[in-house]
């Protein structure tokens, strides 16, 4: 078996773990993937 076949299923998991660690390290930082991308279903605080 090739090394690529062994480790390729774990690549998404590695990215998820890295993003989790980044979120825990910088909890006040929000990542915006697309400009203007917000949750329109969220109601304003009253």
C-alpha atoms as a PDB file:
ATOM      1  CA  UNK A   1       0.000   0.000   0.000  1.00  0.00           C
ATOM      2  CA  UNK A   2       1.083   3.498  -0.690  1.00  0.00           C
ATOM      3  CA  UNK A   3       1.484   6.037   2.089  1.00  0.00           C
ATOM      4  CA  UNK A   4      -1.042   8.288   0.324  1.00  0.00           C
ATOM      5  CA  UNK A   5      -3.702   5.581   0.577  1.00  0.00           C
ATOM      6  CA  UNK A   6      -3.078   5.148   4.297  1.00  0.00           C
ATOM      7  CA  UNK A   7      -3.129   8.807   5.340  1.00  0.00           C
ATOM      8  CA  UNK A   8      -5.600  10.313   2.863  1.00  0.00           C
ATOM      9  CA  UNK A   9      -8.746   9.523   4.947  1.00  0.00           C
ATOM     10  CA  UNK A  10      -7.243  11.369   7.915  1.00  0.00           C
ATOM     11  CA  UNK A  11      -6.656  14.653   6.095  1.00  0.00           C
ATOM     12  CA  UNK A  12     -10.167  16.099   6.852  1.00  0.00           C
ATOM     13  CA  UNK A  13      -9.779  15.065  10.494  1.00  0.00           C
ATOM     14  CA  UNK A  14      -6.440  16.856  10.680  1.00  0.00           C
ATOM     15  CA  UNK A  15      -8.034  20.054   9.347  1.00  0.00           C
ATOM     16  CA  UNK A  16     -10.912  19.760  11.839  1.00  0.00           C
ATOM     17  CA  UNK A  17      -8.518  19.292  14.746  1.00  0.00           C
ATOM     18  CA  UNK A  18      -6.409  22.235  13.572  1.00  0.00           C
ATOM     19  CA  UNK A  19      -9.477  24.480  13.325  1.00  0.00           C
ATOM     20  CA  UNK A  20     -10.643  23.380  16.774  1.00  0.00           C
ATOM     21  CA  UNK A  21      -7.248  24.180  18.270  1.00  0.00           C
ATOM     22  CA  UNK A  22      -7.235  27.553  16.512  1.00  0.00           C
ATOM     23  CA  UNK A  23     -10.717  28.313  17.873  1.00  0.00           C
ATOM     24  CA  UNK A  24      -9.644  27.399  21.396  1.00  0.00           C
ATOM     25  CA  UNK A  25      -6.463  29.446  21.095  1.00  0.00           C
ATOM     26  CA  UNK A  26      -8.233  32.549  19.728  1.00  0.00           C
ATOM     27  CA  UNK A  27     -11.828  32.355  21.018  1.00  0.00           C
ATOM     28  CA  UNK A  28     -12.572  36.014  20.225  1.00  0.00           C
ATOM     29  CA  UNK A  29     -11.683  35.568  16.549  1.00  0.00           C
ATOM     30  CA  UNK A  30     -14.523  34.724  14.175  1.00  0.00           C
ATOM     31  CA  UNK A  31     -13.725  33.233  10.811  1.00  0.00           C
ATOM     32  CA  UNK A  32     -15.864  34.530   7.954  1.00  0.00           C
ATOM     33  CA  UNK A  33     -15.638  32.294   4.924  1.00  0.00           C
ATOM     34  CA  UNK A  34     -17.566  34.553   2.544  1.00  0.00           C
ATOM     35  CA  UNK A  35     -18.055  38.329   2.686  1.00  0.00           C
ATOM     36  CA  UNK A  36     -21.552  39.177   3.876  1.00  0.00           C
ATOM     37  CA  UNK A  37     -22.111  35.609   5.015  1.00  0.00           C
ATOM     38  CA  UNK A  38     -24.111  35.792   8.200  1.00  0.00           C
ATOM     39  CA  UNK A  39     -27.055  34.032   9.734  1.00  0.00           C
ATOM     40  CA  UNK A  40     -30.119  35.896   8.458  1.00  0.00           C
ATOM     41  CA  UNK A  41     -32.398  33.733  10.596  1.00  0.00           C
ATOM     42  CA  UNK A  42     -30.815  35.063  13.799  1.00  0.00           C
ATOM     43  CA  UNK A  43     -32.975  37.621  15.580  1.00  0.00           C
ATOM     44  CA  UNK A  44     -31.612  40.839  17.005  1.00  0.00           C
ATOM     45  CA  UNK A  45     -31.077  40.952  20.735  1.00  0.00           C
ATOM     46  CA  UNK A  46     -33.771  42.914  22.492  1.00  0.00           C
END
